[in-house]
PDB file of N, CA and C in Angstrom:
ATOM      1  N   MET A   1       0.860   4.667  21.670  1.00  0.00           N
ATOM      2  CA  MET A   1       0.871   3.760  20.539  1.00  0.00           C
ATOM      3  C   MET A   1       1.955   4.192  19.559  1.00  0.00           C
ATOM      4  N   ASP A   2       2.757   3.254  19.124  1.00  0.00           N
ATOM      5  CA  ASP A   2       3.768   3.602  18.131  1.00  0.00           C
ATOM      6  C   ASP A   2       3.209   3.387  16.725  1.00  0.00           C
ATOM      7  N   LEU A   3       4.001   3.760  15.734  1.00  0.00           N
ATOM      8  CA  LEU A   3       3.538   3.706  14.342  1.00  0.00           C
ATOM      9  C   LEU A   3       3.146   2.301  13.902  1.00  0.00           C
ATOM     10  N   VAL A   4       3.915   1.307  14.317  1.00  0.00           N
ATOM     11  CA  VAL A   4       3.627  -0.073  13.909  1.00  0.00           C
ATOM     12  C   VAL A   4       2.263  -0.503  14.442  1.00  0.00           C
ATOM     13  N   GLU A   5       1.974  -0.184  15.695  1.00  0.00           N
ATOM     14  CA  GLU A   5       0.676  -0.544  16.274  1.00  0.00           C
ATOM     15  C   GLU A   5      -0.470   0.185  15.573  1.00  0.00           C
ATOM     16  N   ILE A   6      -0.251   1.452  15.234  1.00  0.00           N
ATOM     17  CA  ILE A   6      -1.284   2.228  14.545  1.00  0.00           C
ATOM     18  C   ILE A   6      -1.590   1.624  13.179  1.00  0.00           C
ATOM     19  N   VAL A   7      -0.537   1.310  12.419  1.00  0.00           N
ATOM     20  CA  VAL A   7      -0.727   0.734  11.081  1.00  0.00           C
ATOM     21  C   VAL A   7      -1.360  -0.652  11.181  1.00  0.00           C
ATOM     22  N   ALA A   8      -0.926  -1.463  12.141  1.00  0.00           N
ATOM     23  CA  ALA A   8      -1.508  -2.797  12.316  1.00  0.00           C
ATOM     24  C   ALA A   8      -2.991  -2.696  12.650  1.00  0.00           C
ATOM     25  N   GLU A   9      -3.354  -1.746  13.497  1.00  0.00           N
ATOM     26  CA  GLU A   9      -4.760  -1.561  13.875  1.00  0.00           C
ATOM     27  C   GLU A   9      -5.597  -1.072  12.695  1.00  0.00           C
ATOM     28  N   ARG A  10      -5.074  -0.112  11.941  1.00  0.00           N
ATOM     29  CA  ARG A  10      -5.830   0.459  10.815  1.00  0.00           C
ATOM     30  C   ARG A  10      -5.996  -0.519   9.662  1.00  0.00           C
ATOM     31  N   THR A  11      -5.003  -1.385   9.449  1.00  0.00           N
ATOM     32  CA  THR A  11      -5.058  -2.304   8.316  1.00  0.00           C
ATOM     33  C   THR A  11      -5.560  -3.694   8.691  1.00  0.00           C
ATOM     34  N   GLY A  12      -5.506  -4.035   9.973  1.00  0.00           N
ATOM     35  CA  GLY A  12      -5.917  -5.366  10.400  1.00  0.00           C
ATOM     36  C   GLY A  12      -4.885  -6.430  10.098  1.00  0.00           C
ATOM     37  N   THR A  13      -3.648  -6.038   9.905  1.00  0.00           N
ATOM     38  CA  THR A  13      -2.574  -6.976   9.604  1.00  0.00           C
ATOM     39  C   THR A  13      -1.740  -7.233  10.854  1.00  0.00           C
ATOM     40  N   SER A  14      -0.783  -8.140  10.744  1.00  0.00           N
ATOM     41  CA  SER A  14       0.074  -8.463  11.885  1.00  0.00           C
ATOM     42  C   SER A  14       1.081  -7.345  12.142  1.00  0.00           C
ATOM     43  N   GLN A  15       1.639  -7.328  13.352  1.00  0.00           N
ATOM     44  CA  GLN A  15       2.633  -6.310  13.711  1.00  0.00           C
ATOM     45  C   GLN A  15       3.891  -6.448  12.854  1.00  0.00           C
ATOM     46  N   GLY A  16       4.277  -7.681  12.551  1.00  0.00           N
ATOM     47  CA  GLY A  16       5.466  -7.896  11.731  1.00  0.00           C
ATOM     48  C   GLY A  16       5.311  -7.320  10.331  1.00  0.00           C
ATOM     49  N   ARG A  17       4.162  -7.553   9.755  1.00  0.00           N
ATOM     50  CA  ARG A  17       3.901  -7.027   8.412  1.00  0.00           C
ATOM     51  C   ARG A  17       3.751  -5.511   8.437  1.00  0.00           C
ATOM     52  N   ALA A  18       3.104  -4.990   9.473  1.00  0.00           N
ATOM     53  CA  ALA A  18       2.949  -3.539   9.612  1.00  0.00           C
ATOM     54  C   ALA A  18       4.312  -2.867   9.745  1.00  0.00           C
ATOM     55  N   LYS A  19       5.240  -3.527  10.435  1.00  0.00           N
ATOM     56  CA  LYS A  19       6.588  -2.964  10.619  1.00  0.00           C
ATOM     57  C   LYS A  19       7.290  -2.801   9.273  1.00  0.00           C
ATOM     58  N   ILE A  20       7.101  -3.747   8.380  1.00  0.00           N
ATOM     59  CA  ILE A  20       7.704  -3.666   7.045  1.00  0.00           C
ATOM     60  C   ILE A  20       7.168  -2.451   6.298  1.00  0.00           C
ATOM     61  N   TYR A  21       5.859  -2.253   6.334  1.00  0.00           N
ATOM     62  CA  TYR A  21       5.260  -1.108   5.638  1.00  0.00           C
ATOM     63  C   TYR A  21       5.670   0.218   6.267  1.00  0.00           C
ATOM     64  N   VAL A  22       5.801   0.255   7.582  1.00  0.00           N
ATOM     65  CA  VAL A  22       6.244   1.485   8.254  1.00  0.00           C
ATOM     66  C   VAL A  22       7.670   1.823   7.836  1.00  0.00           C
ATOM     67  N   GLU A  23       8.542   0.819   7.773  1.00  0.00           N
ATOM     68  CA  GLU A  23       9.930   1.069   7.364  1.00  0.00           C
ATOM     69  C   GLU A  23      10.006   1.554   5.918  1.00  0.00           C
ATOM     70  N   MET A  24       9.213   0.952   5.032  1.00  0.00           N
ATOM     71  CA  MET A  24       9.200   1.406   3.637  1.00  0.00           C
ATOM     72  C   MET A  24       8.674   2.833   3.538  1.00  0.00           C
ATOM     73  N   ALA A  25       7.637   3.144   4.303  1.00  0.00           N
ATOM     74  CA  ALA A  25       7.065   4.492   4.286  1.00  0.00           C
ATOM     75  C   ALA A  25       8.052   5.510   4.851  1.00  0.00           C
ATOM     76  N   LYS A  26       8.791   5.135   5.894  1.00  0.00           N
ATOM     77  CA  LYS A  26       9.804   6.039   6.454  1.00  0.00           C
ATOM     78  C   LYS A  26      10.881   6.342   5.421  1.00  0.00           C
ATOM     79  N   GLN A  27      11.334   5.325   4.706  1.00  0.00           N
ATOM     80  CA  GLN A  27      12.367   5.538   3.690  1.00  0.00           C
ATOM     81  C   GLN A  27      11.864   6.443   2.575  1.00  0.00           C
ATOM     82  N   ARG A  28      10.626   6.261   2.175  1.00  0.00           N
ATOM     83  CA  ARG A  28      10.060   7.114   1.127  1.00  0.00           C
ATOM     84  C   ARG A  28       9.918   8.552   1.624  1.00  0.00           C
ATOM     85  N   ALA A  29       9.520   8.733   2.878  1.00  0.00           N
ATOM     86  CA  ALA A  29       9.385  10.076   3.452  1.00  0.00           C
ATOM     87  C   ALA A  29      10.750  10.753   3.573  1.00  0.00           C
ATOM     88  N   LEU A  30      11.770  10.010   3.987  1.00  0.00           N
ATOM     89  CA  LEU A  30      13.120  10.575   4.083  1.00  0.00           C
ATOM     90  C   LEU A  30      13.635  10.985   2.712  1.00  0.00           C
ATOM     91  N   ALA A  31      13.398  10.159   1.711  1.00  0.00           N
ATOM     92  CA  ALA A  31      13.837  10.499   0.354  1.00  0.00           C
ATOM     93  C   ALA A  31      13.109  11.737  -0.155  1.00  0.00           C
ATOM     94  N   HIS A  32      11.827  11.851   0.142  1.00  0.00           N
ATOM     95  CA  HIS A  32      11.037  12.999  -0.316  1.00  0.00           C
ATOM     96  C   HIS A  32      11.505  14.298   0.332  1.00  0.00           C
ATOM     97  N   THR A  33      11.924  14.226   1.593  1.00  0.00           N
ATOM     98  CA  THR A  33      12.321  15.435   2.320  1.00  0.00           C
ATOM     99  C   THR A  33      13.819  15.713   2.255  1.00  0.00           C
ATOM    100  N   ASN A  34      14.586  14.891   1.560  1.00  0.00           N
ATOM    101  CA  ASN A  34      16.045  15.034   1.467  1.00  0.00           C
ATOM    102  C   ASN A  34      16.716  14.946   2.834  1.00  0.00           C
ATOM    103  N   ARG A  35      16.172  14.147   3.715  1.00  0.00           N
ATOM    104  CA  ARG A  35      16.725  13.995   5.059  1.00  0.00           C
ATOM    105  C   ARG A  35      17.359  12.613   5.207  1.00  0.00           C
ATOM    106  N   THR A  36      18.252  12.502   6.189  1.00  0.00           N
ATOM    107  CA  THR A  36      18.837  11.209   6.529  1.00  0.00           C
ATOM    108  C   THR A  36      18.416  10.773   7.925  1.00  0.00           C
ATOM    109  N   VAL A  37      17.890  11.714   8.706  1.00  0.00           N
ATOM    110  CA  VAL A  37      17.455  11.431  10.071  1.00  0.00           C
ATOM    111  C   VAL A  37      15.941  11.606  10.150  1.00  0.00           C
ATOM    112  N   TYR A  38      15.258  10.585  10.657  1.00  0.00           N
ATOM    113  CA  TYR A  38      13.798  10.623  10.792  1.00  0.00           C
ATOM    114  C   TYR A  38      13.413  11.523  11.960  1.00  0.00           C
ATOM    115  N   ILE A  39      12.403  12.374  11.747  1.00  0.00           N
ATOM    116  CA  ILE A  39      11.896  13.224  12.820  1.00  0.00           C
ATOM    117  C   ILE A  39      10.431  12.881  13.079  1.00  0.00           C
ATOM    118  N   THR A  40       9.998  13.046  14.317  1.00  0.00           N
ATOM    119  CA  THR A  40       8.649  12.620  14.699  1.00  0.00           C
ATOM    120  C   THR A  40       7.554  13.442  14.030  1.00  0.00           C
ATOM    121  N   ALA A  41       7.887  14.589  13.484  1.00  0.00           N
ATOM    122  CA  ALA A  41       6.883  15.396  12.780  1.00  0.00           C
ATOM    123  C   ALA A  41       6.355  14.670  11.545  1.00  0.00           C
ATOM    124  N   MET A  42       7.042  13.629  11.098  1.00  0.00           N
ATOM    125  CA  MET A  42       6.634  12.865   9.919  1.00  0.00           C
ATOM    126  C   MET A  42       5.671  11.727  10.254  1.00  0.00           C
ATOM    127  N   ASP A  43       5.417  11.469  11.529  1.00  0.00           N
ATOM    128  CA  ASP A  43       4.650  10.295  11.946  1.00  0.00           C
ATOM    129  C   ASP A  43       3.285  10.171  11.276  1.00  0.00           C
ATOM    130  N   PHE A  44       2.519  11.242  11.263  1.00  0.00           N
ATOM    131  CA  PHE A  44       1.165  11.190  10.698  1.00  0.00           C
ATOM    132  C   PHE A  44       1.209  10.784   9.226  1.00  0.00           C
ATOM    133  N   CYS A  45       2.099  11.412   8.481  1.00  0.00           N
ATOM    134  CA  CYS A  45       2.217  11.120   7.054  1.00  0.00           C
ATOM    135  C   CYS A  45       2.716   9.693   6.829  1.00  0.00           C
ATOM    136  N   VAL A  46       3.674   9.256   7.626  1.00  0.00           N
ATOM    137  CA  VAL A  46       4.233   7.912   7.470  1.00  0.00           C
ATOM    138  C   VAL A  46       3.165   6.853   7.753  1.00  0.00           C
ATOM    139  N   ALA A  47       2.334   7.068   8.758  1.00  0.00           N
ATOM    140  CA  ALA A  47       1.254   6.115   9.048  1.00  0.00           C
ATOM    141  C   ALA A  47       0.276   6.043   7.875  1.00  0.00           C
ATOM    142  N   ASP A  48      -0.105   7.201   7.337  1.00  0.00           N
ATOM    143  CA  ASP A  48      -1.009   7.216   6.181  1.00  0.00           C
ATOM    144  C   ASP A  48      -0.379   6.539   4.970  1.00  0.00           C
ATOM    145  N   LEU A  49       0.890   6.821   4.735  1.00  0.00           N
ATOM    146  CA  LEU A  49       1.591   6.248   3.593  1.00  0.00           C
ATOM    147  C   LEU A  49       1.718   4.731   3.734  1.00  0.00           C
ATOM    148  N   ALA A  50       2.042   4.251   4.923  1.00  0.00           N
ATOM    149  CA  ALA A  50       2.162   2.810   5.151  1.00  0.00           C
ATOM    150  C   ALA A  50       0.825   2.111   4.902  1.00  0.00           C
ATOM    151  N   CYS A  51      -0.269   2.709   5.347  1.00  0.00           N
ATOM    152  CA  CYS A  51      -1.599   2.127   5.117  1.00  0.00           C
ATOM    153  C   CYS A  51      -1.943   2.123   3.629  1.00  0.00           C
ATOM    154  N   ALA A  52      -1.627   3.210   2.939  1.00  0.00           N
ATOM    155  CA  ALA A  52      -1.895   3.282   1.498  1.00  0.00           C
ATOM    156  C   ALA A  52      -1.091   2.228   0.750  1.00  0.00           C
ATOM    157  N   MET A  53       0.154   2.026   1.163  1.00  0.00           N
ATOM    158  CA  MET A  53       0.990   1.010   0.522  1.00  0.00           C
ATOM    159  C   MET A  53       0.412  -0.386   0.758  1.00  0.00           C
ATOM    160  N   TYR A  54      -0.082  -0.631   1.953  1.00  0.00           N
ATOM    161  CA  TYR A  54      -0.684  -1.929   2.271  1.00  0.00           C
ATOM    162  C   TYR A  54      -1.922  -2.182   1.411  1.00  0.00           C
ATOM    163  N   PHE A  55      -2.794  -1.197   1.336  1.00  0.00           N
ATOM    164  CA  PHE A  55      -4.049  -1.385   0.606  1.00  0.00           C
ATOM    165  C   PHE A  55      -3.847  -1.464  -0.907  1.00  0.00           C
ATOM    166  N   ARG A  56      -2.745  -0.924  -1.416  1.00  0.00           N
ATOM    167  CA  ARG A  56      -2.473  -1.004  -2.856  1.00  0.00           C
ATOM    168  C   ARG A  56      -1.637  -2.224  -3.217  1.00  0.00           C
ATOM    169  N   GLU A  57      -1.263  -3.037  -2.241  1.00  0.00           N
ATOM    170  CA  GLU A  57      -0.439  -4.217  -2.505  1.00  0.00           C
ATOM    171  C   GLU A  57      -1.147  -5.145  -3.485  1.00  0.00           C
ATOM    172  N   GLY A  58      -0.414  -5.602  -4.477  1.00  0.00           N
ATOM    173  CA  GLY A  58      -0.973  -6.511  -5.470  1.00  0.00           C
ATOM    174  C   GLY A  58      -1.733  -5.822  -6.579  1.00  0.00           C
ATOM    175  N   MET A  59      -1.854  -4.509  -6.491  1.00  0.00           N
ATOM    176  CA  MET A  59      -2.587  -3.763  -7.516  1.00  0.00           C
ATOM    177  C   MET A  59      -1.695  -2.719  -8.175  1.00  0.00           C
ATOM    178  N   VAL A  60      -0.408  -2.956  -8.187  1.00  0.00           N
ATOM    179  CA  VAL A  60       0.533  -2.003  -8.757  1.00  0.00           C
ATOM    180  C   VAL A  60       0.257  -1.828 -10.239  1.00  0.00           C
ATOM    181  N   GLY A  61       0.145  -0.599 -10.676  1.00  0.00           N
ATOM    182  CA  GLY A  61      -0.074  -0.298 -12.078  1.00  0.00           C
ATOM    183  C   GLY A  61      -1.536  -0.277 -12.500  1.00  0.00           C
ATOM    184  N   GLU A  62      -2.429  -0.707 -11.638  1.00  0.00           N
ATOM    185  CA  GLU A  62      -3.851  -0.710 -11.985  1.00  0.00           C
ATOM    186  C   GLU A  62      -4.466   0.655 -11.712  1.00  0.00           C
ATOM    187  N   SER A  63      -5.338   1.085 -12.609  1.00  0.00           N
ATOM    188  CA  SER A  63      -6.074   2.325 -12.365  1.00  0.00           C
ATOM    189  C   SER A  63      -7.480   2.024 -11.861  1.00  0.00           C
ATOM    190  N   SER A  64      -7.954   0.795 -12.137  1.00  0.00           N
ATOM    191  CA  SER A  64      -9.246   0.363 -11.595  1.00  0.00           C
ATOM    192  C   SER A  64      -9.247  -1.159 -11.504  1.00  0.00           C
ATOM    193  N   HIS A  65     -10.152  -1.667 -10.702  1.00  0.00           N
ATOM    194  CA  HIS A  65     -10.224  -3.107 -10.482  1.00  0.00           C
ATOM    195  C   HIS A  65     -11.691  -3.483 -10.297  1.00  0.00           C
ATOM    196  N   SER A  66     -12.122  -4.545 -10.959  1.00  0.00           N
ATOM    197  CA  SER A  66     -13.507  -4.992 -10.839  1.00  0.00           C
ATOM    198  C   SER A  66     -13.512  -6.486 -10.543  1.00  0.00           C
ATOM    199  N   GLU A  67     -14.262  -6.855  -9.510  1.00  0.00           N
ATOM    200  CA  GLU A  67     -14.337  -8.262  -9.144  1.00  0.00           C
ATOM    201  C   GLU A  67     -15.675  -8.521  -8.464  1.00  0.00           C
ATOM    202  N   GLY A  68     -16.407  -9.490  -8.948  1.00  0.00           N
ATOM    203  CA  GLY A  68     -17.680  -9.857  -8.340  1.00  0.00           C
ATOM    204  C   GLY A  68     -18.702  -8.736  -8.332  1.00  0.00           C
ATOM    205  N   GLY A  69     -18.689  -7.899  -9.347  1.00  0.00           N
ATOM    206  CA  GLY A  69     -19.642  -6.801  -9.429  1.00  0.00           C
ATOM    207  C   GLY A  69     -19.257  -5.567  -8.635  1.00  0.00           C
ATOM    208  N   ILE A  70     -18.102  -5.610  -7.963  1.00  0.00           N
ATOM    209  CA  ILE A  70     -17.627  -4.457  -7.193  1.00  0.00           C
ATOM    210  C   ILE A  70     -16.454  -3.841  -7.937  1.00  0.00           C
ATOM    211  N   THR A  71     -16.557  -2.562  -8.237  1.00  0.00           N
ATOM    212  CA  THR A  71     -15.515  -1.854  -8.970  1.00  0.00           C
ATOM    213  C   THR A  71     -14.822  -0.858  -8.056  1.00  0.00           C
ATOM    214  N   SER A  72     -13.493  -0.863  -8.094  1.00  0.00           N
ATOM    215  CA  SER A  72     -12.688   0.100  -7.337  1.00  0.00           C
ATOM    216  C   SER A  72     -11.855   0.892  -8.318  1.00  0.00           C
ATOM    217  N   THR A  73     -11.829   2.198  -8.156  1.00  0.00           N
ATOM    218  CA  THR A  73     -11.011   3.073  -8.991  1.00  0.00           C
ATOM    219  C   THR A  73      -9.988   3.754  -8.100  1.00  0.00           C
ATOM    220  N   PHE A  74      -8.733   3.793  -8.566  1.00  0.00           N
ATOM    221  CA  PHE A  74      -7.652   4.343  -7.758  1.00  0.00           C
ATOM    222  C   PHE A  74      -7.174   5.661  -8.324  1.00  0.00           C
ATOM    223  N   GLN A  75      -6.786   6.555  -7.430  1.00  0.00           N
ATOM    224  CA  GLN A  75      -6.119   7.777  -7.867  1.00  0.00           C
ATOM    225  C   GLN A  75      -4.698   7.398  -8.236  1.00  0.00           C
ATOM    226  N   SER A  76      -4.187   7.981  -9.290  1.00  0.00           N
ATOM    227  CA  SER A  76      -2.831   7.645  -9.710  1.00  0.00           C
ATOM    228  C   SER A  76      -1.787   8.321  -8.834  1.00  0.00           C
ATOM    229  N   SER A  77      -2.174   9.361  -8.120  1.00  0.00           N
ATOM    230  CA  SER A  77      -1.191  10.117  -7.346  1.00  0.00           C
ATOM    231  C   SER A  77      -1.405   9.979  -5.840  1.00  0.00           C
ATOM    232  N   THR A  78      -1.848   8.816  -5.384  1.00  0.00           N
ATOM    233  CA  THR A  78      -2.138   8.633  -3.965  1.00  0.00           C
ATOM    234  C   THR A  78      -0.928   8.940  -3.100  1.00  0.00           C
ATOM    235  N   TYR A  79       0.220   8.364  -3.438  1.00  0.00           N
ATOM    236  CA  TYR A  79       1.414   8.577  -2.626  1.00  0.00           C
ATOM    237  C   TYR A  79       1.852  10.035  -2.665  1.00  0.00           C
ATOM    238  N   GLU A  80       1.769  10.663  -3.836  1.00  0.00           N
ATOM    239  CA  GLU A  80       2.182  12.057  -3.959  1.00  0.00           C
ATOM    240  C   GLU A  80       1.290  12.969  -3.131  1.00  0.00           C
ATOM    241  N   ASP A  81       0.004  12.660  -3.073  1.00  0.00           N
ATOM    242  CA  ASP A  81      -0.916  13.455  -2.253  1.00  0.00           C
ATOM    243  C   ASP A  81      -0.539  13.368  -0.779  1.00  0.00           C
ATOM    244  N   ILE A  82      -0.212  12.174  -0.328  1.00  0.00           N
ATOM    245  CA  ILE A  82       0.172  11.997   1.070  1.00  0.00           C
ATOM    246  C   ILE A  82       1.513  12.674   1.343  1.00  0.00           C
ATOM    247  N   LEU A  83       2.476  12.469   0.444  1.00  0.00           N
ATOM    248  CA  LEU A  83       3.805  13.056   0.647  1.00  0.00           C
ATOM    249  C   LEU A  83       3.794  14.579   0.559  1.00  0.00           C
ATOM    250  N   SER A  84       2.809  15.148  -0.111  1.00  0.00           N
ATOM    251  CA  SER A  84       2.768  16.610  -0.224  1.00  0.00           C
ATOM    252  C   SER A  84       2.599  17.273   1.140  1.00  0.00           C
ATOM    253  N   THR A  85       2.086  16.535   2.120  1.00  0.00           N
ATOM    254  CA  THR A  85       1.971  17.101   3.465  1.00  0.00           C
ATOM    255  C   THR A  85       3.332  17.278   4.124  1.00  0.00           C
ATOM    256  N   LEU A  86       4.358  16.641   3.569  1.00  0.00           N
ATOM    257  CA  LEU A  86       5.716  16.772   4.113  1.00  0.00           C
ATOM    258  C   LEU A  86       6.518  17.884   3.452  1.00  0.00           C
ATOM    259  N   ASN A  87       5.929  18.584   2.508  1.00  0.00           N
ATOM    260  CA  ASN A  87       6.689  19.601   1.777  1.00  0.00           C
ATOM    261  C   ASN A  87       7.297  20.666   2.682  1.00  0.00           C
ATOM    262  N   ASN A  88       6.626  20.993   3.778  1.00  0.00           N
ATOM    263  CA  ASN A  88       7.190  22.005   4.670  1.00  0.00           C
ATOM    264  C   ASN A  88       8.379  21.485   5.474  1.00  0.00           C
ATOM    265  N   LEU A  89       8.640  20.185   5.446  1.00  0.00           N
ATOM    266  CA  LEU A  89       9.783  19.603   6.147  1.00  0.00           C
ATOM    267  C   LEU A  89      10.953  19.310   5.210  1.00  0.00           C
ATOM    268  N   ARG A  90      10.802  19.634   3.935  1.00  0.00           N
ATOM    269  CA  ARG A  90      11.858  19.346   2.963  1.00  0.00           C
ATOM    270  C   ARG A  90      13.076  20.216   3.206  1.00  0.00           C
ATOM    271  N   LEU A  91      14.231  19.650   2.961  1.00  0.00           N
ATOM    272  CA  LEU A  91      15.484  20.387   3.044  1.00  0.00           C
ATOM    273  C   LEU A  91      15.925  20.748   1.640  1.00  0.00           C
ATOM    274  N   ILE A  92      16.451  21.948   1.507  1.00  0.00           N
ATOM    275  CA  ILE A  92      16.883  22.412   0.193  1.00  0.00           C
ATOM    276  C   ILE A  92      18.251  21.815  -0.138  1.00  0.00           C
ATOM    277  N   ARG A  93      18.467  21.628  -1.389  1.00  0.00           N
ATOM    278  CA  ARG A  93      19.745  21.126  -1.877  1.00  0.00           C
ATOM    279  C   ARG A  93      20.430  22.288  -2.579  1.00  0.00           C
ATOM    280  N   ALA A  94      21.580  22.697  -2.077  1.00  0.00           N
ATOM    281  CA  ALA A  94      22.324  23.814  -2.662  1.00  0.00           C
ATOM    282  C   ALA A  94      23.686  23.323  -3.136  1.00  0.00           C
ATOM    283  N   GLY A  95      23.952  23.492  -4.404  1.00  0.00           N
ATOM    284  CA  GLY A  95      25.228  23.042  -4.954  1.00  0.00           C
ATOM    285  C   GLY A  95      25.390  21.540  -4.891  1.00  0.00           C
ATOM    286  N   GLY A  96      24.283  20.819  -4.943  1.00  0.00           N
ATOM    287  CA  GLY A  96      24.334  19.362  -4.904  1.00  0.00           C
ATOM    288  C   GLY A  96      24.495  18.796  -3.504  1.00  0.00           C
ATOM    289  N   ILE A  97      24.499  19.661  -2.494  1.00  0.00           N
ATOM    290  CA  ILE A  97      24.686  19.221  -1.114  1.00  0.00           C
ATOM    291  C   ILE A  97      23.450  19.593  -0.300  1.00  0.00           C
ATOM    292  N   VAL A  98      22.986  18.654   0.501  1.00  0.00           N
ATOM    293  CA  VAL A  98      21.874  18.920   1.408  1.00  0.00           C
ATOM    294  C   VAL A  98      22.464  19.303   2.753  1.00  0.00           C
ATOM    295  N   HIS A  99      22.065  20.454   3.252  1.00  0.00           N
ATOM    296  CA  HIS A  99      22.584  20.938   4.534  1.00  0.00           C
ATOM    297  C   HIS A  99      21.582  20.595   5.627  1.00  0.00           C
ATOM    298  N   GLU A 100      21.854  19.496   6.317  1.00  0.00           N
ATOM    299  CA  GLU A 100      20.951  18.997   7.348  1.00  0.00           C
ATOM    300  C   GLU A 100      21.625  19.098   8.704  1.00  0.00           C
ATOM    301  N   LYS A 101      20.954  19.735   9.644  1.00  0.00           N
ATOM    302  CA  LYS A 101      21.475  19.808  11.002  1.00  0.00           C
ATOM    303  C   LYS A 101      21.092  18.516  11.699  1.00  0.00           C
ATOM    304  N   LYS A 102      22.092  17.741  12.084  1.00  0.00           N
ATOM    305  CA  LYS A 102      21.844  16.454  12.714  1.00  0.00           C
ATOM    306  C   LYS A 102      21.881  16.607  14.230  1.00  0.00           C
ATOM    307  N   PRO A 103      21.117  15.774  14.935  1.00  0.00           N
ATOM    308  CA  PRO A 103      21.151  15.822  16.400  1.00  0.00           C
ATOM    309  C   PRO A 103      22.552  15.541  16.923  1.00  0.00           C
ATOM    310  N   GLU A 104      22.862  16.049  18.098  1.00  0.00           N
ATOM    311  CA  GLU A 104      24.201  15.938  18.687  1.00  0.00           C
ATOM    312  C   GLU A 104      24.689  14.496  18.793  1.00  0.00           C
ATOM    313  N   GLY A 105      23.829  13.562  19.147  1.00  0.00           N
ATOM    314  CA  GLY A 105      24.235  12.177  19.352  1.00  0.00           C
ATOM    315  C   GLY A 105      24.561  11.416  18.082  1.00  0.00           C
ATOM    316  N   ASN A 106      24.186  11.904  16.912  1.00  0.00           N
ATOM    317  CA  ASN A 106      24.367  11.167  15.658  1.00  0.00           C
ATOM    318  C   ASN A 106      25.564  11.620  14.848  1.00  0.00           C
ATOM    319  N   GLN A 107      26.419  12.475  15.386  1.00  0.00           N
ATOM    320  CA  GLN A 107      27.534  12.975  14.578  1.00  0.00           C
ATOM    321  C   GLN A 107      28.733  12.106  14.640  1.00  0.00           C
TER     322      GLN A 107
END
């Protein structure tokens, strides 16, 4: 199963919509780790992040939501909690330059 299928299954959305969330989550993970090349070690975090982004859609900026007697409260740092699992994959920036070893085929 690839990431799009996993996100579509977990959220109950279409594959096309899941693909959009996976791509957004990948970009956020790459920015967090200072990388330009996606590595498969990020898959678990990216799937979680894509699902979190889907479930928070339309509720940007809300800390809680109440409708029909049902109240939902959101953590303000949901994305940061998920991205913190990628901290061991972060690349250091030295002198304003990120030193990333790229695979042979991408040079």
